[in-house]
Amino acid sequence: MITVYSDDHVGHDGKAELHDGKLVPSFEMPRRAALVLARVQETGLGPVMPPKLFGLDPVRRVHAADYVAFLEGAWDAWVAEHGPWDALPFTWIAPGMRRVVPDHIDGKLGYYSFDAGTPITAGTWRAVRAAADVALTGAELIVRGERGAFALCRPPGHHAHRACYGGYCFFNNAAIAAQALRDAGAERVAVLDIDCHHGNGTQDIFYDRGDVLFVSLHADPVQEYPYFLGFADETGTGAGEGANANYPLPFGTDFAAWSEALAHALARIAAFGAEALVVSLGVDTFKGDPISRFRLDSPDYTAIGERLAAAGLPTLFVMEGGYAVEAIGLNAVNVLQGFRAAA
């Protein structure tokens, strides 16, 4: 299995995020991707290649042009106003307020974001552009006939909406890849999100479309971040009615219960008639994850890969969450090895 990877991610290196009422070191750190890459190389999973450069047009296929322009200029605007430290918002739009884009960078941060855990740093723009190119290169490998490929993206992407960021995510790498597969000729594409947190951004992007099925297994939003999306009654709207399926699960979910939901999700994907599958590969379902409360163990991820291979679809894995840093490489690559062995 080919892995696509760019060193440009290291420039996105947030110093702190707001967590449990405190400013703490960022859980989403460059070391996450470095450890996954090290495990890919250690296990001989397959060749590692750099991404091609695709420009911003494929990004604008799923993200609003004004949002993309904001991200491109946010760091420079922040430094001009405040100096060279992490940019974090402190105010957001609430019901009853008007949605008007402010001129001031502090207002823009609140307009285009939904949390205080996602700092913009000096290297963020370069990192998020590279992550999109990594995902697009992975999609191109699938189009060219690869059975499976791994886009080792960082920062992650599945919380990024069409026009806002949060949850450590800026560009929605999985959505960009899914759209690229559609643009390359796949009539129907499925996105399966197995991160512990709901892929609210991916749902938002495809919610009114019937050509991309979004299926998510995640912690119940009445208990867990992102709280305000990911409920079971969210099934799509308009042309997208029936093309969105959420499986919210309670804190403490173990592999037996989780895998039952996976079986239902894969059945939905089969019924949809997808020609290609994008997997948002989060491994924060691990029992040792510091910000999640599921109970999967490392051998379970190999079984997940085997079950995904049984779906029989060309599959692009896009890296998302996983914050038990010492175990992230083992858990992520276990999925890929399980898939490769069973494909």
Protein backbone atom coordinates (compact mmCIF):
# COMPACT_ATOMS: atom_id res chain seq x y z
CA MET A 1 0.00 0.00 0.00
CA ILE A 2 1.35 3.41 -1.00
CA THR A 3 1.52 6.11 1.66
CA VAL A 4 1.43 9.77 0.65
CA TYR A 5 3.19 12.12 3.08
CA SER A 6 4.53 15.68 3.23
CA ASP A 7 6.95 17.15 5.77
CA ASP A 8 5.19 20.50 5.39
CA HIS A 9 2.85 19.54 8.23
CA VAL A 10 5.54 20.30 10.82
CA GLY A 11 5.03 24.03 10.38
CA HIS A 12 1.59 23.76 11.96
CA ASP A 13 2.72 23.54 15.57
CA GLY A 14 0.23 25.03 18.01
CA LYS A 15 1.59 25.83 21.43
CA ALA A 16 -1.67 25.69 23.38
CA GLU A 17 -5.41 25.05 23.21
CA LEU A 18 -8.27 25.69 25.61
CA HIS A 19 -9.18 22.39 27.30
CA ASP A 20 -11.14 21.81 30.52
CA GLY A 21 -10.93 25.53 31.30
CA LYS A 22 -7.14 25.66 30.99
CA LEU A 23 -4.65 26.55 28.30
CA VAL A 24 -2.78 23.27 27.79
CA PRO A 25 -0.19 22.05 25.26
CA SER A 26 -1.90 21.17 21.99
CA PHE A 27 -2.95 17.52 21.71
CA GLU A 28 -2.70 17.77 17.91
CA MET A 29 1.07 17.94 17.39
CA PRO A 30 3.62 17.23 14.62
CA ARG A 31 4.84 14.12 16.44
CA ARG A 32 1.55 12.37 15.65
CA ALA A 33 2.28 12.17 11.93
CA ALA A 34 5.98 11.43 12.50
CA LEU A 35 5.11 8.36 14.59
CA VAL A 36 2.61 7.08 12.04
CA LEU A 37 5.19 7.49 9.28
CA ALA A 38 7.80 5.69 11.37
CA ARG A 39 5.45 2.75 11.85
CA VAL A 40 4.63 2.65 8.13
CA GLN A 41 8.35 2.38 7.39
CA GLU A 42 9.09 -0.04 10.22
CA THR A 43 6.44 -2.51 9.08
CA GLY A 44 7.27 -2.30 5.38
CA LEU A 45 3.70 -1.35 4.57
CA GLY A 46 4.79 -0.08 1.16
CA PRO A 47 6.43 2.86 -0.59
CA VAL A 48 6.13 6.42 0.73
CA MET A 49 5.73 9.19 -1.83
CA PRO A 50 5.40 12.98 -1.68
CA PRO A 51 2.22 14.64 -2.88
CA LYS A 52 1.68 16.24 -6.24
CA LEU A 53 0.72 19.92 -6.29
CA PHE A 54 -2.90 20.47 -7.29
CA GLY A 55 -3.48 24.14 -6.48
CA LEU A 56 -6.58 25.46 -4.77
CA ASP A 57 -9.25 24.74 -7.36
CA PRO A 58 -9.98 21.22 -5.99
CA VAL A 59 -10.16 22.72 -2.49
CA ARG A 60 -12.72 25.27 -3.64
CA ARG A 61 -14.87 22.42 -4.93
CA VAL A 62 -15.87 21.79 -1.30
CA HIS A 63 -14.86 24.97 0.56
CA ALA A 64 -16.19 28.52 0.08
CA ALA A 65 -13.80 30.84 -1.73
CA ASP A 66 -13.99 33.52 0.99
CA TYR A 67 -13.11 30.94 3.65
CA VAL A 68 -10.09 29.73 1.67
CA ALA A 69 -8.95 33.34 1.25
CA PHE A 70 -9.36 33.95 4.99
CA LEU A 71 -7.13 30.99 5.88
CA GLU A 72 -4.49 32.12 3.41
CA GLY A 73 -4.22 35.57 4.96
CA ALA A 74 -5.12 34.91 8.61
CA TRP A 75 -1.59 34.56 10.01
CA ASP A 76 -0.26 37.73 8.44
CA ALA A 77 -3.31 39.70 9.61
CA TRP A 78 -2.93 38.30 13.13
CA VAL A 79 0.79 39.12 13.36
CA ALA A 80 0.19 42.66 12.12
CA GLU A 81 -2.36 43.19 14.91
CA HIS A 82 -1.01 41.12 17.81
CA GLY A 83 2.45 39.70 17.12
CA PRO A 84 3.86 36.25 16.26
CA TRP A 85 2.06 33.96 18.69
CA ASP A 86 -0.77 31.52 18.10
CA ALA A 87 -4.01 32.99 16.80
CA LEU A 88 -7.05 31.85 18.79
CA PRO A 89 -10.57 33.32 18.64
CA PHE A 90 -12.37 34.55 21.74
CA THR A 91 -15.85 35.41 20.50
CA TRP A 92 -18.36 33.61 18.25
CA ILE A 93 -21.71 34.19 16.59
CA ALA A 94 -24.69 33.20 18.75
CA PRO A 95 -28.39 32.90 17.82
CA GLY A 96 -29.85 36.34 17.29
CA MET A 97 -26.60 37.86 16.05
CA ARG A 98 -26.00 38.88 12.44
CA ARG A 99 -23.67 36.91 10.21
CA VAL A 100 -21.58 39.77 8.80
CA VAL A 101 -17.87 39.30 8.10
CA PRO A 102 -15.87 41.65 10.38
CA ASP A 103 -12.93 43.65 9.11
CA HIS A 104 -10.82 42.95 12.23
CA ILE A 105 -8.86 39.70 12.47
CA ASP A 106 -10.28 38.88 15.93
CA GLY A 107 -13.78 39.07 14.54
CA LYS A 108 -12.85 37.05 11.48
CA LEU A 109 -11.40 34.27 13.65
CA GLY A 110 -14.74 33.99 15.46
CA TYR A 111 -16.71 34.24 12.22
CA TYR A 112 -14.83 31.38 10.53
CA SER A 113 -14.30 29.05 13.52
CA PHE A 114 -16.36 27.18 16.08
CA ASP A 115 -13.94 26.39 18.92
CA ALA A 116 -10.89 27.65 20.84
CA GLY A 117 -8.87 24.48 20.42
CA THR A 118 -7.58 25.10 16.91
CA PRO A 119 -4.72 27.63 16.80
CA ILE A 120 -3.47 29.16 13.58
CA THR A 121 0.34 29.36 13.54
CA ALA A 122 3.06 30.60 11.22
CA GLY A 123 3.10 27.34 9.24
CA THR A 124 -0.61 26.50 9.27
CA TRP A 125 -1.42 27.66 5.73
CA ARG A 126 1.44 25.70 4.20
CA ALA A 127 0.50 22.62 6.23
CA VAL A 128 -3.17 22.64 5.31
CA ARG A 129 -2.39 23.13 1.63
CA ALA A 130 0.02 20.20 1.77
CA ALA A 131 -2.55 18.03 3.56
CA ALA A 132 -5.05 18.71 0.78
CA ASP A 133 -2.43 17.76 -1.80
CA VAL A 134 -1.69 14.56 0.14
CA ALA A 135 -5.39 13.62 0.04
CA LEU A 136 -5.71 14.52 -3.65
CA THR A 137 -2.63 12.46 -4.52
CA GLY A 138 -4.14 9.52 -2.65
CA ALA A 139 -7.38 9.93 -4.58
CA GLU A 140 -5.42 9.97 -7.84
CA LEU A 141 -3.78 6.67 -6.87
CA ILE A 142 -7.24 5.14 -6.40
CA VAL A 143 -8.37 6.49 -9.77
CA ARG A 144 -5.31 4.88 -11.35
CA GLY A 145 -6.29 1.48 -10.02
CA GLU A 146 -4.74 1.06 -6.56
CA ARG A 147 -6.90 -1.15 -4.32
CA GLY A 148 -5.92 0.88 -1.26
CA ALA A 149 -3.85 3.96 -0.48
CA PHE A 150 -3.02 5.94 2.67
CA ALA A 151 -3.09 9.74 2.77
CA LEU A 152 -1.09 10.59 5.90
CA CYS A 153 -2.66 14.01 6.31
CA ARG A 154 -1.89 16.47 9.05
CA PRO A 155 -3.60 18.55 10.27
CA PRO A 156 -6.73 16.38 10.17
CA GLY A 157 -9.82 17.55 8.31
CA HIS A 158 -13.18 15.99 9.13
CA HIS A 159 -14.42 18.77 11.44
CA ALA A 160 -13.85 21.47 8.80
CA HIS A 161 -17.15 22.68 7.30
CA ARG A 162 -17.60 24.32 3.95
CA ALA A 163 -16.82 27.71 5.50
CA CYS A 164 -15.46 27.24 9.03
CA TYR A 165 -12.75 25.46 10.95
CA GLY A 166 -12.41 23.77 14.34
CA GLY A 167 -11.53 20.48 15.98
CA TYR A 168 -7.92 20.86 14.80
CA CYS A 169 -9.22 20.89 11.19
CA PHE A 170 -8.96 23.57 8.47
CA PHE A 171 -9.42 21.91 5.07
CA ASN A 172 -11.62 18.81 4.96
CA ASN A 173 -9.15 16.40 3.39
CA ALA A 174 -11.58 13.48 3.15
CA ALA A 175 -14.26 15.62 1.50
CA ILE A 176 -11.73 17.07 -0.95
CA ALA A 177 -10.66 13.53 -1.87
CA ALA A 178 -14.25 12.31 -2.22
CA GLN A 179 -15.08 15.22 -4.53
CA ALA A 180 -11.95 14.49 -6.57
CA LEU A 181 -13.07 10.88 -7.01
CA ARG A 182 -16.46 12.12 -8.21
CA ASP A 183 -14.80 14.56 -10.60
CA ALA A 184 -12.66 11.71 -11.94
CA GLY A 185 -15.75 9.73 -12.92
CA ALA A 186 -16.99 7.77 -9.91
CA GLU A 187 -20.79 8.10 -9.97
CA ARG A 188 -21.18 7.36 -6.26
CA VAL A 189 -18.61 7.70 -3.47
CA ALA A 190 -18.97 6.78 0.20
CA VAL A 191 -17.14 8.44 3.08
CA LEU A 192 -16.92 6.30 6.23
CA ASP A 193 -15.79 8.20 9.32
CA ILE A 194 -14.48 5.95 12.11
CA ASP A 195 -12.96 8.70 14.25
CA CYS A 196 -14.31 8.87 17.81
CA HIS A 197 -15.74 12.33 17.10
CA HIS A 198 -18.44 13.01 14.56
CA GLY A 199 -17.25 14.29 11.19
CA ASN A 200 -19.52 17.30 11.37
CA GLY A 201 -17.69 19.11 8.59
CA THR A 202 -17.97 16.23 6.14
CA GLN A 203 -21.67 15.88 6.92
CA ASP A 204 -22.20 19.60 6.34
CA ILE A 205 -20.44 19.55 2.98
CA PHE A 206 -22.42 16.64 1.52
CA TYR A 207 -25.70 16.87 3.45
CA ASP A 208 -27.84 17.98 0.49
CA ARG A 209 -26.20 15.69 -2.08
CA GLY A 210 -27.19 12.21 -3.14
CA ASP A 211 -23.96 11.28 -4.92
CA VAL A 212 -21.78 11.07 -1.79
CA LEU A 213 -22.90 8.91 1.13
CA PHE A 214 -21.58 9.98 4.52
CA VAL A 215 -21.60 7.38 7.30
CA SER A 216 -20.14 8.08 10.76
CA LEU A 217 -19.52 5.97 13.88
CA HIS A 218 -18.83 8.29 16.81
CA ALA A 219 -19.44 9.24 20.42
CA ASP A 220 -22.98 10.46 21.02
CA PRO A 221 -23.08 14.27 20.63
CA VAL A 222 -25.23 14.60 23.75
CA GLN A 223 -22.03 13.56 25.59
CA GLU A 224 -19.10 14.42 23.35
CA TYR A 225 -17.57 17.03 21.04
CA PRO A 226 -18.64 18.51 18.62
CA TYR A 227 -21.99 18.32 20.50
CA PHE A 228 -24.21 20.09 17.97
CA LEU A 229 -24.24 17.62 15.06
CA GLY A 230 -24.10 13.85 14.62
CA PHE A 231 -27.52 12.68 15.83
CA ALA A 232 -29.16 9.57 14.39
CA ASP A 233 -32.11 11.50 12.92
CA GLU A 234 -29.83 13.50 10.60
CA THR A 235 -30.37 11.66 7.31
CA GLY A 236 -29.77 14.34 4.67
CA THR A 237 -31.93 16.94 3.00
CA GLY A 238 -33.25 17.53 -0.51
CA ALA A 239 -31.32 15.42 -3.01
CA GLY A 240 -29.26 14.14 -0.09
CA GLU A 241 -32.17 12.63 1.84
CA GLY A 242 -31.08 9.13 2.89
CA ALA A 243 -27.42 9.75 2.01
CA ASN A 244 -26.34 10.55 5.59
CA ALA A 245 -26.17 7.95 8.34
CA ASN A 246 -24.97 8.57 11.89
CA TYR A 247 -24.28 5.91 14.50
CA PRO A 248 -23.88 7.74 17.84
CA LEU A 249 -22.48 5.48 20.56
CA PRO A 250 -22.21 6.00 24.33
CA PHE A 251 -19.08 6.58 26.38
CA GLY A 252 -17.37 3.29 27.19
CA THR A 253 -18.25 1.61 23.88
CA ASP A 254 -16.07 -1.48 23.38
CA PHE A 255 -15.15 -3.28 20.19
CA ALA A 256 -18.09 -5.67 20.27
CA ALA A 257 -20.63 -2.85 20.25
CA TRP A 258 -18.55 -0.70 17.92
CA SER A 259 -18.12 -3.47 15.37
CA GLU A 260 -21.87 -4.11 15.33
CA ALA A 261 -22.35 -0.50 14.27
CA LEU A 262 -19.60 -0.94 11.66
CA ALA A 263 -21.47 -3.90 10.18
CA HIS A 264 -24.59 -1.73 9.80
CA ALA A 265 -22.51 1.06 8.25
CA LEU A 266 -20.90 -1.25 5.71
CA ALA A 267 -24.33 -2.62 4.78
CA ARG A 268 -25.48 0.95 4.11
CA ILE A 269 -22.45 1.53 1.90
CA ALA A 270 -23.12 -1.66 -0.06
CA ALA A 271 -26.78 -0.74 -0.56
CA PHE A 272 -25.76 2.72 -1.76
CA GLY A 273 -23.73 1.20 -4.59
CA ALA A 274 -20.55 3.15 -3.96
CA GLU A 275 -17.78 2.79 -6.51
CA ALA A 276 -15.06 4.05 -4.16
CA LEU A 277 -14.66 4.45 -0.41
CA VAL A 278 -12.90 7.19 1.56
CA VAL A 279 -12.20 6.26 5.19
CA SER A 280 -11.68 9.05 7.68
CA LEU A 281 -9.18 7.10 9.76
CA GLY A 282 -9.27 8.35 13.32
CA VAL A 283 -7.82 6.08 15.99
CA ASP A 284 -8.94 8.12 19.00
CA THR A 285 -11.37 5.27 19.69
CA PHE A 286 -8.37 3.70 21.47
CA LYS A 287 -8.85 2.94 25.16
CA GLY A 288 -5.82 5.06 26.09
CA ASP A 289 -6.77 8.20 24.21
CA PRO A 290 -6.55 11.26 26.49
CA ILE A 291 -9.54 13.13 25.04
CA SER A 292 -11.90 10.27 24.09
CA ARG A 293 -13.82 7.61 25.98
CA PHE A 294 -14.17 4.54 23.79
CA ARG A 295 -12.52 1.23 24.69
CA LEU A 296 -11.00 -0.24 21.53
CA ASP A 297 -7.61 -1.97 21.84
CA SER A 298 -4.72 -2.19 19.39
CA PRO A 299 -5.55 -5.66 17.95
CA ASP A 300 -9.07 -4.43 17.19
CA TYR A 301 -7.71 -2.09 14.53
CA THR A 302 -6.37 -5.01 12.50
CA ALA A 303 -9.86 -6.52 12.52
CA ILE A 304 -11.29 -3.17 11.39
CA GLY A 305 -8.96 -3.17 8.40
CA GLU A 306 -10.00 -6.71 7.47
CA ARG A 307 -13.69 -5.78 7.60
CA LEU A 308 -13.13 -2.70 5.49
CA ALA A 309 -11.33 -4.81 2.89
CA ALA A 310 -14.34 -7.14 2.78
CA ALA A 311 -16.41 -4.27 1.40
CA GLY A 312 -14.54 -4.89 -1.86
CA LEU A 313 -14.12 -1.24 -2.80
CA PRO A 314 -11.10 0.81 -3.88
CA THR A 315 -10.34 2.54 -0.59
CA LEU A 316 -8.47 5.70 0.34
CA PHE A 317 -7.58 6.04 4.02
CA VAL A 318 -7.26 9.66 5.17
CA MET A 319 -5.62 10.27 8.55
CA GLU A 320 -7.77 12.05 11.14
CA GLY A 321 -7.57 11.94 14.94
CA GLY A 322 -5.71 9.89 17.52
CA TYR A 323 -4.08 11.53 20.53
CA ALA A 324 -2.61 8.63 22.49
CA VAL A 325 0.59 9.59 20.75
CA GLU A 326 2.76 6.62 21.69
CA ALA A 327 0.15 4.21 20.27
CA ILE A 328 -0.97 6.16 17.20
CA GLY A 329 1.44 4.54 14.77
CA LEU A 330 0.64 1.02 15.92
CA ASN A 331 -3.12 1.56 15.81
CA ALA A 332 -3.29 3.38 12.47
CA VAL A 333 -0.98 0.97 10.68
CA ASN A 334 -2.78 -2.03 12.17
CA VAL A 335 -5.86 -0.91 10.20
CA LEU A 336 -3.82 -0.61 7.01
CA GLN A 337 -2.09 -3.95 7.50
CA GLY A 338 -5.41 -5.65 8.19
CA PHE A 339 -6.83 -4.16 5.02
CA ARG A 340 -3.83 -5.10 2.90
CA ALA A 341 -3.80 -8.67 4.16
CA ALA A 342 -7.50 -9.19 3.44
CA ALA A 343 -7.83 -7.22 0.19
